[in-house]
Amino acid sequence: GFGTLTMGWHRQAPGQQRELVALIYSNGATKYADSVKGRFTI
């Protein structure tokens, strides 16, 4: 019942809040946390 979804990765380290790592939107655009730019690819 759904088409292409916006999906992403988050991470949570011990004692830390969950944080965004990377998103890929339904149109193919991407977004990255500053801490992973240039190292991670979604």
Full PDB file with SEQRES, HELIX, SHEET, SSBOND, CRYST1, ORIGX, SCALE, CONECT and MASTER records, all heavy atoms in Angstrom:
SEQRES   1 A   42  GLY PHE GLY THR LEU THR MET GLY TRP HIS ARG GLN ALA          
SEQRES   2 A   42  PRO GLY GLN GLN ARG GLU LEU VAL ALA LEU ILE TYR SER          
SEQRES   3 A   42  ASN GLY ALA THR LYS TYR ALA ASP SER VAL LYS GLY ARG          
SEQRES   4 A   42  PHE THR ILE                                                  
SHEET    1 AA1 3 MET A   7  ARG A  11  0                                        
SHEET    2 AA1 3 GLU A  19  ILE A  24 -1                                        
SHEET    3 AA1 3 THR A  30  TYR A  32 -1                                        
CRYST1    1.000    1.000    1.000  90.00  90.00  90.00 P 1           1          
ORIGX1      1.000000  0.000000  0.000000        0.00000                         
ORIGX2      0.000000  1.000000  0.000000        0.00000                         
ORIGX3      0.000000  0.000000  1.000000        0.00000                         
SCALE1      1.000000  0.000000  0.000000        0.00000                         
SCALE2      0.000000  1.000000  0.000000        0.00000                         
SCALE3      0.000000  0.000000  1.000000        0.00000                         
ATOM      1  N   GLY A   1       0.776  -1.221   0.000  1.00  0.00           N  
ATOM      2  CA  GLY A   1       0.000   0.000   0.000  1.00  0.00           C  
ATOM      3  C   GLY A   1       0.808   1.271   0.000  1.00  0.00           C  
ATOM      4  O   GLY A   1       0.263   2.342   0.294  1.00  0.00           O  
ATOM      5  N   PHE A   2       2.099   1.171  -0.314  1.00  0.00           N  
ATOM      6  CA  PHE A   2       2.909   2.381  -0.367  1.00  0.00           C  
ATOM      7  C   PHE A   2       3.919   2.284  -1.492  1.00  0.00           C  
ATOM      8  O   PHE A   2       4.266   1.211  -1.956  1.00  0.00           O  
ATOM      9  CB  PHE A   2       3.617   2.636   0.975  1.00  0.00           C  
ATOM     10  CG  PHE A   2       4.376   1.459   1.517  1.00  0.00           C  
ATOM     11  CD1 PHE A   2       5.658   1.176   1.065  1.00  0.00           C  
ATOM     12  CD2 PHE A   2       3.812   0.647   2.484  1.00  0.00           C  
ATOM     13  CE1 PHE A   2       6.367   0.100   1.567  1.00  0.00           C  
ATOM     14  CE2 PHE A   2       4.516  -0.436   2.993  1.00  0.00           C  
ATOM     15  CZ  PHE A   2       5.790  -0.711   2.534  1.00  0.00           C  
ATOM     16  N   GLY A   3       4.370   3.458  -1.934  1.00  0.00           N  
ATOM     17  CA  GLY A   3       5.367   3.523  -2.981  1.00  0.00           C  
ATOM     18  C   GLY A   3       6.753   3.679  -2.403  1.00  0.00           C  
ATOM     19  O   GLY A   3       7.072   3.088  -1.366  1.00  0.00           O  
ATOM     20  N   THR A   4       7.565   4.504  -3.061  1.00  0.00           N  
ATOM     21  CA  THR A   4       8.928   4.719  -2.587  1.00  0.00           C  
ATOM     22  C   THR A   4       8.892   5.565  -1.326  1.00  0.00           C  
ATOM     23  O   THR A   4       8.281   6.641  -1.306  1.00  0.00           O  
ATOM     24  CB  THR A   4       9.756   5.422  -3.671  1.00  0.00           C  
ATOM     25  OG1 THR A   4       9.735   4.631  -4.859  1.00  0.00           O  
ATOM     26  CG2 THR A   4      11.197   5.603  -3.204  1.00  0.00           C  
ATOM     27  N   LEU A   5       9.543   5.075  -0.301  1.00  0.00           N  
ATOM     28  CA  LEU A   5       9.498   5.733   1.006  1.00  0.00           C  
ATOM     29  C   LEU A   5      10.729   6.608   1.248  1.00  0.00           C  
ATOM     30  O   LEU A   5      11.813   6.319   0.736  1.00  0.00           O  
ATOM     31  CB  LEU A   5       9.438   4.673   2.111  1.00  0.00           C  
ATOM     32  CG  LEU A   5       8.240   3.729   2.078  1.00  0.00           C  
ATOM     33  CD1 LEU A   5       8.410   2.639   3.132  1.00  0.00           C  
ATOM     34  CD2 LEU A   5       6.953   4.492   2.306  1.00  0.00           C  
ATOM     35  N   THR A   6      10.550   7.624   2.040  1.00  0.00           N  
ATOM     36  CA  THR A   6      11.693   8.309   2.634  1.00  0.00           C  
ATOM     37  C   THR A   6      12.183   7.440   3.780  1.00  0.00           C  
ATOM     38  O   THR A   6      11.401   7.075   4.664  1.00  0.00           O  
ATOM     39  CB  THR A   6      11.298   9.699   3.141  1.00  0.00           C  
ATOM     40  OG1 THR A   6      11.007  10.533   2.014  1.00  0.00           O  
ATOM     41  CG2 THR A   6      12.416  10.328   3.957  1.00  0.00           C  
ATOM     42  N   MET A   7      13.467   7.097   3.735  1.00  0.00           N  
ATOM     43  CA  MET A   7      14.038   6.195   4.731  1.00  0.00           C  
ATOM     44  C   MET A   7      15.342   6.769   5.256  1.00  0.00           C  
ATOM     45  O   MET A   7      15.961   7.626   4.623  1.00  0.00           O  
ATOM     46  CB  MET A   7      14.273   4.808   4.115  1.00  0.00           C  
ATOM     47  CG  MET A   7      13.002   4.145   3.636  1.00  0.00           C  
ATOM     48  SD  MET A   7      13.259   2.537   2.845  1.00  0.00           S  
ATOM     49  CE  MET A   7      13.809   1.550   4.238  1.00  0.00           C  
ATOM     50  N   GLY A   8      15.766   6.262   6.381  1.00  0.00           N  
ATOM     51  CA  GLY A   8      16.993   6.806   6.933  1.00  0.00           C  
ATOM     52  C   GLY A   8      17.633   5.911   7.962  1.00  0.00           C  
ATOM     53  O   GLY A   8      17.103   4.861   8.325  1.00  0.00           O  
ATOM     54  N   TRP A   9      18.796   6.363   8.395  1.00  0.00           N  
ATOM     55  CA  TRP A   9      19.548   5.711   9.457  1.00  0.00           C  
ATOM     56  C   TRP A   9      19.758   6.709  10.599  1.00  0.00           C  
ATOM     57  O   TRP A   9      20.128   7.867  10.362  1.00  0.00           O  
ATOM     58  CB  TRP A   9      20.906   5.237   8.940  1.00  0.00           C  
ATOM     59  CG  TRP A   9      20.823   4.120   7.957  1.00  0.00           C  
ATOM     60  CD1 TRP A   9      20.824   4.217   6.601  1.00  0.00           C  
ATOM     61  CD2 TRP A   9      20.723   2.728   8.267  1.00  0.00           C  
ATOM     62  NE1 TRP A   9      20.719   2.967   6.043  1.00  0.00           N  
ATOM     63  CE2 TRP A   9      20.672   2.031   7.040  1.00  0.00           C  
ATOM     64  CE3 TRP A   9      20.692   1.997   9.456  1.00  0.00           C  
ATOM     65  CZ2 TRP A   9      20.569   0.639   6.967  1.00  0.00           C  
ATOM     66  CZ3 TRP A   9      20.594   0.618   9.387  1.00  0.00           C  
ATOM     67  CH2 TRP A   9      20.540  -0.047   8.152  1.00  0.00           C  
ATOM     68  N   HIS A  10      19.523   6.223  11.784  1.00  0.00           N  
ATOM     69  CA  HIS A  10      19.836   6.958  12.998  1.00  0.00           C  
ATOM     70  C   HIS A  10      20.750   6.068  13.839  1.00  0.00           C  
ATOM     71  O   HIS A  10      20.864   4.868  13.572  1.00  0.00           O  
ATOM     72  CB  HIS A  10      18.566   7.267  13.796  1.00  0.00           C  
ATOM     73  CG  HIS A  10      17.658   8.265  13.142  1.00  0.00           C  
ATOM     74  ND1 HIS A  10      16.999   8.029  11.966  1.00  0.00           N  
ATOM     75  CD2 HIS A  10      17.301   9.518  13.532  1.00  0.00           C  
ATOM     76  CE1 HIS A  10      16.278   9.087  11.635  1.00  0.00           C  
ATOM     77  NE2 HIS A  10      16.445  10.004  12.567  1.00  0.00           N  
ATOM     78  N   ARG A  11      21.377   6.650  14.832  1.00  0.00           N  
ATOM     79  CA  ARG A  11      22.204   5.837  15.720  1.00  0.00           C  
ATOM     80  C   ARG A  11      22.083   6.345  17.151  1.00  0.00           C  
ATOM     81  O   ARG A  11      21.770   7.519  17.381  1.00  0.00           O  
ATOM     82  CB  ARG A  11      23.674   5.843  15.288  1.00  0.00           C  
ATOM     83  CG  ARG A  11      24.362   7.187  15.396  1.00  0.00           C  
ATOM     84  CD  ARG A  11      25.764   7.120  14.787  1.00  0.00           C  
ATOM     85  NE  ARG A  11      26.472   8.392  14.884  1.00  0.00           N  
ATOM     86  CZ  ARG A  11      27.632   8.645  14.308  1.00  0.00           C  
ATOM     87  NH1 ARG A  11      28.242   7.702  13.572  1.00  0.00           N  
ATOM     88  NH2 ARG A  11      28.212   9.827  14.454  1.00  0.00           N  
ATOM     89  N   GLN A  12      22.336   5.431  18.081  1.00  0.00           N  
ATOM     90  CA  GLN A  12      22.275   5.782  19.496  1.00  0.00           C  
ATOM     91  C   GLN A  12      23.422   5.099  20.214  1.00  0.00           C  
ATOM     92  O   GLN A  12      23.518   3.866  20.240  1.00  0.00           O  
ATOM     93  CB  GLN A  12      20.933   5.357  20.107  1.00  0.00           C  
ATOM     94  CG  GLN A  12      20.739   5.862  21.512  1.00  0.00           C  
ATOM     95  CD  GLN A  12      19.301   5.720  21.970  1.00  0.00           C  
ATOM     96  OE1 GLN A  12      18.513   4.963  21.406  1.00  0.00           O  
ATOM     97  NE2 GLN A  12      18.931   6.475  22.988  1.00  0.00           N  
ATOM     98  N   ALA A  13      24.292   5.916  20.772  1.00  0.00           N  
ATOM     99  CA  ALA A  13      25.398   5.409  21.578  1.00  0.00           C  
ATOM    100  C   ALA A  13      24.955   5.330  23.034  1.00  0.00           C  
ATOM    101  O   ALA A  13      24.004   6.016  23.434  1.00  0.00           O  
ATOM    102  CB  ALA A  13      26.601   6.336  21.438  1.00  0.00           C  
ATOM    103  N   PRO A  14      25.619   4.524  23.852  1.00  0.00           N  
ATOM    104  CA  PRO A  14      25.239   4.401  25.262  1.00  0.00           C  
ATOM    105  C   PRO A  14      25.221   5.753  25.962  1.00  0.00           C  
ATOM    106  O   PRO A  14      26.176   6.533  25.847  1.00  0.00           O  
ATOM    107  CB  PRO A  14      26.326   3.495  25.842  1.00  0.00           C  
ATOM    108  CG  PRO A  14      26.798   2.686  24.686  1.00  0.00           C  
ATOM    109  CD  PRO A  14      26.727   3.603  23.504  1.00  0.00           C  
ATOM    110  N   GLY A  15      24.119   6.036  26.642  1.00  0.00           N  
ATOM    111  CA  GLY A  15      24.000   7.281  27.378  1.00  0.00           C  
ATOM    112  C   GLY A  15      23.746   8.505  26.525  1.00  0.00           C  
ATOM    113  O   GLY A  15      23.725   9.627  27.048  1.00  0.00           O  
ATOM    114  N   GLN A  16      23.562   8.307  25.227  1.00  0.00           N  
ATOM    115  CA  GLN A  16      23.345   9.431  24.309  1.00  0.00           C  
ATOM    116  C   GLN A  16      21.947   9.356  23.702  1.00  0.00           C  
ATOM    117  O   GLN A  16      21.310   8.304  23.692  1.00  0.00           O  
ATOM    118  CB  GLN A  16      24.383   9.411  23.186  1.00  0.00           C  
ATOM    119  CG  GLN A  16      25.818   9.425  23.652  1.00  0.00           C  
ATOM    120  CD  GLN A  16      26.192  10.721  24.330  1.00  0.00           C  
ATOM    121  OE1 GLN A  16      25.811  11.801  23.863  1.00  0.00           O  
ATOM    122  NE2 GLN A  16      26.910  10.627  25.429  1.00  0.00           N  
ATOM    123  N   GLN A  17      21.507  10.506  23.172  1.00  0.00           N  
ATOM    124  CA  GLN A  17      20.234  10.515  22.461  1.00  0.00           C  
ATOM    125  C   GLN A  17      20.411   9.928  21.063  1.00  0.00           C  
ATOM    126  O   GLN A  17      21.508   9.966  20.500  1.00  0.00           O  
ATOM    127  CB  GLN A  17      19.717  11.957  22.353  1.00  0.00           C  
ATOM    128  CG  GLN A  17      19.253  12.541  23.670  1.00  0.00           C  
ATOM    129  CD  GLN A  17      18.565  13.887  23.480  1.00  0.00           C  
ATOM    130  OE1 GLN A  17      18.853  14.623  22.537  1.00  0.00           O  
ATOM    131  NE2 GLN A  17      17.645  14.209  24.369  1.00  0.00           N  
ATOM    132  N   ARG A  18      19.326   9.426  20.526  1.00  0.00           N  
ATOM    133  CA  ARG A  18      19.345   8.932  19.162  1.00  0.00           C  
ATOM    134  C   ARG A  18      19.538  10.132  18.221  1.00  0.00           C  
ATOM    135  O   ARG A  18      18.911  11.174  18.400  1.00  0.00           O  
ATOM    136  CB  ARG A  18      18.054   8.196  18.824  1.00  0.00           C  
ATOM    137  CG  ARG A  18      18.095   7.426  17.522  1.00  0.00           C  
ATOM    138  CD  ARG A  18      16.844   6.576  17.343  1.00  0.00           C  
ATOM    139  NE  ARG A  18      16.740   5.542  18.371  1.00  0.00           N  
ATOM    140  CZ  ARG A  18      15.846   4.544  18.320  1.00  0.00           C  
ATOM    141  NH1 ARG A  18      15.007   4.466  17.289  1.00  0.00           N  
ATOM    142  NH2 ARG A  18      15.797   3.660  19.290  1.00  0.00           N  
ATOM    143  N   GLU A  19      20.414   9.963  17.237  1.00  0.00           N  
ATOM    144  CA  GLU A  19      20.706  11.063  16.321  1.00  0.00           C  
ATOM    145  C   GLU A  19      20.618  10.599  14.874  1.00  0.00           C  
ATOM    146  O   GLU A  19      20.882   9.435  14.546  1.00  0.00           O  
ATOM    147  CB  GLU A  19      22.110  11.628  16.587  1.00  0.00           C  
ATOM    148  CG  GLU A  19      23.243  10.653  16.351  1.00  0.00           C  
ATOM    149  CD  GLU A  19      24.613  11.273  16.532  1.00  0.00           C  
ATOM    150  OE1 GLU A  19      24.708  12.453  16.887  1.00  0.00           O  
ATOM    151  OE2 GLU A  19      25.607  10.551  16.309  1.00  0.00           O  
ATOM    152  N   LEU A  20      20.280  11.547  14.022  1.00  0.00           N  
ATOM    153  CA  LEU A  20      20.208  11.273  12.601  1.00  0.00           C  
ATOM    154  C   LEU A  20      21.601  11.040  12.043  1.00  0.00           C  
ATOM    155  O   LEU A  20      22.539  11.780  12.365  1.00  0.00           O  
ATOM    156  CB  LEU A  20      19.570  12.454  11.873  1.00  0.00           C  
ATOM    157  CG  LEU A  20      19.625  12.408  10.346  1.00  0.00           C  
ATOM    158  CD1 LEU A  20      18.721  11.308   9.825  1.00  0.00           C  
ATOM    159  CD2 LEU A  20      19.244  13.757   9.763  1.00  0.00           C  
ATOM    160  N   VAL A  21      21.733  10.023  11.197  1.00  0.00           N  
ATOM    161  CA  VAL A  21      22.985   9.780  10.480  1.00  0.00           C  
ATOM    162  C   VAL A  21      22.828  10.191   9.014  1.00  0.00           C  
ATOM    163  O   VAL A  21      23.605  10.986   8.493  1.00  0.00           O  
ATOM    164  CB  VAL A  21      23.394   8.300  10.568  1.00  0.00           C  
ATOM    165  CG1 VAL A  21      24.634   8.034   9.722  1.00  0.00           C  
ATOM    166  CG2 VAL A  21      23.630   7.892  12.023  1.00  0.00           C  
ATOM    167  N   ALA A  22      21.805   9.645   8.364  1.00  0.00           N  
ATOM    168  CA  ALA A  22      21.596   9.938   6.940  1.00  0.00           C  
ATOM    169  C   ALA A  22      20.155   9.646   6.565  1.00  0.00           C  
ATOM    170  O   ALA A  22      19.529   8.757   7.152  1.00  0.00           O  
ATOM    171  CB  ALA A  22      22.542   9.106   6.069  1.00  0.00           C  
ATOM    172  N   LEU A  23      19.652  10.419   5.588  1.00  0.00           N  
ATOM    173  CA  LEU A  23      18.312  10.227   5.047  1.00  0.00           C  
ATOM    174  C   LEU A  23      18.392  10.110   3.542  1.00  0.00           C  
ATOM    175  O   LEU A  23      19.244  10.755   2.910  1.00  0.00           O  
ATOM    176  CB  LEU A  23      17.427  11.422   5.375  1.00  0.00           C  
ATOM    177  CG  LEU A  23      16.893  11.610   6.777  1.00  0.00           C  
ATOM    178  CD1 LEU A  23      16.130  12.930   6.863  1.00  0.00           C  
ATOM    179  CD2 LEU A  23      15.998  10.459   7.182  1.00  0.00           C  
ATOM    180  N   ILE A  24      17.497   9.326   2.975  1.00  0.00           N  
ATOM    181  CA  ILE A  24      17.301   9.352   1.537  1.00  0.00           C  
ATOM    182  C   ILE A  24      15.810   9.548   1.299  1.00  0.00           C  
ATOM    183  O   ILE A  24      14.974   8.760   1.755  1.00  0.00           O  
ATOM    184  CB  ILE A  24      17.857   8.090   0.834  1.00  0.00           C  
ATOM    185  CG1 ILE A  24      17.738   8.233  -0.683  1.00  0.00           C  
ATOM    186  CG2 ILE A  24      17.209   6.813   1.345  1.00  0.00           C  
ATOM    187  CD1 ILE A  24      18.639   7.250  -1.449  1.00  0.00           C  
ATOM    188  N   TYR A  25      15.497  10.649   0.623  1.00  0.00           N  
ATOM    189  CA  TYR A  25      14.102  11.002   0.419  1.00  0.00           C  
ATOM    190  C   TYR A  25      13.509  10.184  -0.735  1.00  0.00           C  
ATOM    191  O   TYR A  25      14.242   9.594  -1.544  1.00  0.00           O  
ATOM    192  CB  TYR A  25      13.982  12.502   0.131  1.00  0.00           C  
ATOM    193  CG  TYR A  25      14.358  13.359   1.321  1.00  0.00           C  
ATOM    194  CD1 TYR A  25      15.659  13.816   1.500  1.00  0.00           C  
ATOM    195  CD2 TYR A  25      13.406  13.694   2.283  1.00  0.00           C  
ATOM    196  CE1 TYR A  25      16.005  14.585   2.603  1.00  0.00           C  
ATOM    197  CE2 TYR A  25      13.734  14.465   3.376  1.00  0.00           C  
ATOM    198  CZ  TYR A  25      15.041  14.903   3.530  1.00  0.00           C  
ATOM    199  OH  TYR A  25      15.365  15.663   4.627  1.00  0.00           O  
ATOM    200  N   SER A  26      12.197  10.204  -0.815  1.00  0.00           N  
ATOM    201  CA  SER A  26      11.524   9.430  -1.864  1.00  0.00           C  
ATOM    202  C   SER A  26      11.923   9.905  -3.259  1.00  0.00           C  
ATOM    203  O   SER A  26      11.872   9.133  -4.216  1.00  0.00           O  
ATOM    204  CB  SER A  26      10.008   9.506  -1.693  1.00  0.00           C  
ATOM    205  OG  SER A  26       9.568  10.849  -1.701  1.00  0.00           O  
ATOM    206  N   ASN A  27      12.373  11.169  -3.380  1.00  0.00           N  
ATOM    207  CA  ASN A  27      12.802  11.684  -4.682  1.00  0.00           C  
ATOM    208  C   ASN A  27      14.288  11.443  -4.954  1.00  0.00           C  
ATOM    209  O   ASN A  27      14.808  11.879  -5.979  1.00  0.00           O  
ATOM    210  CB  ASN A  27      12.489  13.180  -4.803  1.00  0.00           C  
ATOM    211  CG  ASN A  27      13.277  14.022  -3.811  1.00  0.00           C  
ATOM    212  OD1 ASN A  27      14.090  13.523  -3.049  1.00  0.00           O  
ATOM    213  ND2 ASN A  27      13.014  15.328  -3.817  1.00  0.00           N  
ATOM    214  N   GLY A  28      14.962  10.775  -4.033  1.00  0.00           N  
ATOM    215  CA  GLY A  28      16.370  10.445  -4.221  1.00  0.00           C  
ATOM    216  C   GLY A  28      17.344  11.398  -3.574  1.00  0.00           C  
ATOM    217  O   GLY A  28      18.547  11.094  -3.502  1.00  0.00           O  
ATOM    218  N   ALA A  29      16.889  12.540  -3.108  1.00  0.00           N  
ATOM    219  CA  ALA A  29      17.786  13.472  -2.417  1.00  0.00           C  
ATOM    220  C   ALA A  29      18.282  12.850  -1.122  1.00  0.00           C  
ATOM    221  O   ALA A  29      17.606  12.000  -0.525  1.00  0.00           O  
ATOM    222  CB  ALA A  29      17.056  14.773  -2.141  1.00  0.00           C  
ATOM    223  N   THR A  30      19.453  13.281  -0.700  1.00  0.00           N  
ATOM    224  CA  THR A  30      20.049  12.733   0.516  1.00  0.00           C  
ATOM    225  C   THR A  30      20.437  13.842   1.484  1.00  0.00           C  
ATOM    226  O   THR A  30      20.626  14.999   1.098  1.00  0.00           O  
ATOM    227  CB  THR A  30      21.293  11.883   0.195  1.00  0.00           C  
ATOM    228  OG1 THR A  30      22.243  12.704  -0.507  1.00  0.00           O  
ATOM    229  CG2 THR A  30      20.936  10.681  -0.649  1.00  0.00           C  
ATOM    230  N   LYS A  31      20.557  13.445   2.743  1.00  0.00           N  
ATOM    231  CA  LYS A  31      20.962  14.378   3.801  1.00  0.00           C  
ATOM    232  C   LYS A  31      21.837  13.596   4.769  1.00  0.00           C  
ATOM    233  O   LYS A  31      21.543  12.440   5.072  1.00  0.00           O  
ATOM    234  CB  LYS A  31      19.724  14.923   4.517  1.00  0.00           C  
ATOM    235  CG  LYS A  31      20.013  15.842   5.680  1.00  0.00           C  
ATOM    236  CD  LYS A  31      18.711  16.333   6.319  1.00  0.00           C  
ATOM    237  CE  LYS A  31      18.970  17.234   7.506  1.00  0.00           C  
ATOM    238  NZ  LYS A  31      17.697  17.737   8.099  1.00  0.00           N  
ATOM    239  N   TYR A  32      22.902  14.263   5.243  1.00  0.00           N  
ATOM    240  CA  TYR A  32      23.836  13.612   6.158  1.00  0.00           C  
ATOM    241  C   TYR A  32      24.100  14.473   7.379  1.00  0.00           C  
ATOM    242  O   TYR A  32      24.096  15.707   7.296  1.00  0.00           O  
ATOM    243  CB  TYR A  32      25.186  13.360   5.463  1.00  0.00           C  
ATOM    244  CG  TYR A  32      25.123  12.388   4.319  1.00  0.00           C  
ATOM    245  CD1 TYR A  32      24.918  12.831   3.014  1.00  0.00           C  
ATOM    246  CD2 TYR A  32      25.264  11.021   4.550  1.00  0.00           C  
ATOM    247  CE1 TYR A  32      24.853  11.931   1.961  1.00  0.00           C  
ATOM    248  CE2 TYR A  32      25.211  10.117   3.496  1.00  0.00           C  
ATOM    249  CZ  TYR A  32      25.007  10.579   2.210  1.00  0.00           C  
ATOM    250  OH  TYR A  32      24.946   9.678   1.173  1.00  0.00           O  
ATOM    251  N   ALA A  33      24.378  13.807   8.490  1.00  0.00           N  
ATOM    252  CA  ALA A  33      24.890  14.518   9.653  1.00  0.00           C  
ATOM    253  C   ALA A  33      26.294  15.020   9.317  1.00  0.00           C  
ATOM    254  O   ALA A  33      27.045  14.362   8.590  1.00  0.00           O  
ATOM    255  CB  ALA A  33      24.953  13.578  10.856  1.00  0.00           C  
ATOM    256  N   ASP A  34      26.656  16.175   9.866  1.00  0.00           N  
ATOM    257  CA  ASP A  34      27.984  16.733   9.591  1.00  0.00           C  
ATOM    258  C   ASP A  34      29.094  15.758   9.969  1.00  0.00           C  
ATOM    259  O   ASP A  34      30.131  15.696   9.307  1.00  0.00           O  
ATOM    260  CB  ASP A  34      28.168  18.045  10.349  1.00  0.00           C  
ATOM    261  CG  ASP A  34      27.343  19.176   9.766  1.00  0.00           C  
ATOM    262  OD1 ASP A  34      26.889  19.056   8.614  1.00  0.00           O  
ATOM    263  OD2 ASP A  34      27.147  20.181  10.467  1.00  0.00           O  
ATOM    264  N   SER A  35      28.872  14.996  11.025  1.00  0.00           N  
ATOM    265  CA  SER A  35      29.912  14.106  11.542  1.00  0.00           C  
ATOM    266  C   SER A  35      30.248  12.944  10.607  1.00  0.00           C  
ATOM    267  O   SER A  35      31.292  12.316  10.766  1.00  0.00           O  
ATOM    268  CB  SER A  35      29.499  13.556  12.901  1.00  0.00           C  
ATOM    269  OG  SER A  35      28.283  12.839  12.789  1.00  0.00           O  
ATOM    270  N   VAL A  36      29.372  12.675   9.630  1.00  0.00           N  
ATOM    271  CA  VAL A  36      29.612  11.524   8.738  1.00  0.00           C  
ATOM    272  C   VAL A  36      29.795  11.936   7.282  1.00  0.00           C  
ATOM    273  O   VAL A  36      30.081  11.083   6.432  1.00  0.00           O  
ATOM    274  CB  VAL A  36      28.493  10.470   8.851  1.00  0.00           C  
ATOM    275  CG1 VAL A  36      28.295  10.064  10.313  1.00  0.00           C  
ATOM    276  CG2 VAL A  36      27.196  10.950   8.238  1.00  0.00           C  
ATOM    277  N   LYS A  37      29.622  13.212   6.983  1.00  0.00           N  
ATOM    278  CA  LYS A  37      29.772  13.669   5.597  1.00  0.00           C  
ATOM    279  C   LYS A  37      31.153  13.312   5.059  1.00  0.00           C  
ATOM    280  O   LYS A  37      32.164  13.518   5.728  1.00  0.00           O  
ATOM    281  CB  LYS A  37      29.555  15.183   5.511  1.00  0.00           C  
ATOM    282  CG  LYS A  37      28.108  15.594   5.547  1.00  0.00           C  
ATOM    283  CD  LYS A  37      27.963  17.110   5.445  1.00  0.00           C  
ATOM    284  CE  LYS A  37      26.522  17.535   5.544  1.00  0.00           C  
ATOM    285  NZ  LYS A  37      26.373  19.003   5.555  1.00  0.00           N  
ATOM    286  N   GLY A  38      31.167  12.782   3.854  1.00  0.00           N  
ATOM    287  CA  GLY A  38      32.422  12.409   3.230  1.00  0.00           C  
ATOM    288  C   GLY A  38      32.900  11.012   3.594  1.00  0.00           C  
ATOM    289  O   GLY A  38      33.837  10.489   2.993  1.00  0.00           O  
ATOM    290  N   ARG A  39      32.272  10.406   4.599  1.00  0.00           N  
ATOM    291  CA  ARG A  39      32.676   9.054   5.026  1.00  0.00           C  
ATOM    292  C   ARG A  39      31.576   8.027   4.795  1.00  0.00           C  
ATOM    293  O   ARG A  39      31.857   6.871   4.498  1.00  0.00           O  
ATOM    294  CB  ARG A  39      33.052   9.057   6.511  1.00  0.00           C  
ATOM    295  CG  ARG A  39      34.217   9.967   6.858  1.00  0.00           C  
ATOM    296  CD  ARG A  39      34.659   9.763   8.311  1.00  0.00           C  
ATOM    297  NE  ARG A  39      33.621  10.085   9.278  1.00  0.00           N  
ATOM    298  CZ  ARG A  39      33.153   9.236  10.210  1.00  0.00           C  
ATOM    299  NH1 ARG A  39      33.638   8.005  10.278  1.00  0.00           N  
ATOM    300  NH2 ARG A  39      32.225   9.628  11.059  1.00  0.00           N  
ATOM    301  N   PHE A  40      30.329   8.443   4.977  1.00  0.00           N  
ATOM    302  CA  PHE A  40      29.192   7.537   4.839  1.00  0.00           C  
ATOM    303  C   PHE A  40      28.404   7.897   3.583  1.00  0.00           C  
ATOM    304  O   PHE A  40      28.292   9.078   3.221  1.00  0.00           O  
ATOM    305  CB  PHE A  40      28.250   7.667   6.041  1.00  0.00           C  
ATOM    306  CG  PHE A  40      28.798   7.150   7.350  1.00  0.00           C  
ATOM    307  CD1 PHE A  40      30.122   6.788   7.507  1.00  0.00           C  
ATOM    308  CD2 PHE A  40      27.945   7.037   8.443  1.00  0.00           C  
ATOM    309  CE1 PHE A  40      30.605   6.328   8.721  1.00  0.00           C  
ATOM    310  CE2 PHE A  40      28.404   6.574   9.664  1.00  0.00           C  
ATOM    311  CZ  PHE A  40      29.736   6.223   9.806  1.00  0.00           C  
ATOM    312  N   THR A  41      27.837   6.868   2.956  1.00  0.00           N  
ATOM    313  CA  THR A  41      26.995   7.077   1.781  1.00  0.00           C  
ATOM    314  C   THR A  41      25.723   6.264   1.920  1.00  0.00           C  
ATOM    315  O   THR A  41      25.782   5.046   2.139  1.00  0.00           O  
ATOM    316  CB  THR A  41      27.721   6.647   0.501  1.00  0.00           C  
ATOM    317  OG1 THR A  41      28.951   7.375   0.381  1.00  0.00           O  
ATOM    318  CG2 THR A  41      26.863   6.928  -0.728  1.00  0.00           C  
ATOM    319  N   ILE A  42      24.583   6.943   1.797  1.00  0.00           N  
ATOM    320  CA  ILE A  42      23.295   6.261   1.817  1.00  0.00           C  
ATOM    321  C   ILE A  42      22.844   6.078   0.373  1.00  0.00           C  
ATOM    322  O   ILE A  42      23.019   6.975  -0.462  1.00  0.00           O  
ATOM    323  CB  ILE A  42      22.256   7.035   2.654  1.00  0.00           C  
ATOM    324  CG1 ILE A  42      20.999   6.208   2.885  1.00  0.00           C  
ATOM    325  CG2 ILE A  42      21.929   8.391   2.037  1.00  0.00           C  
ATOM    326  CD1 ILE A  42      20.049   6.801   3.929  1.00  0.00           C  
TER     327      ILE A  42                                                      
MASTER        0    0    0    0    3    0    0    6  326    1    0    4          
END                                                                             
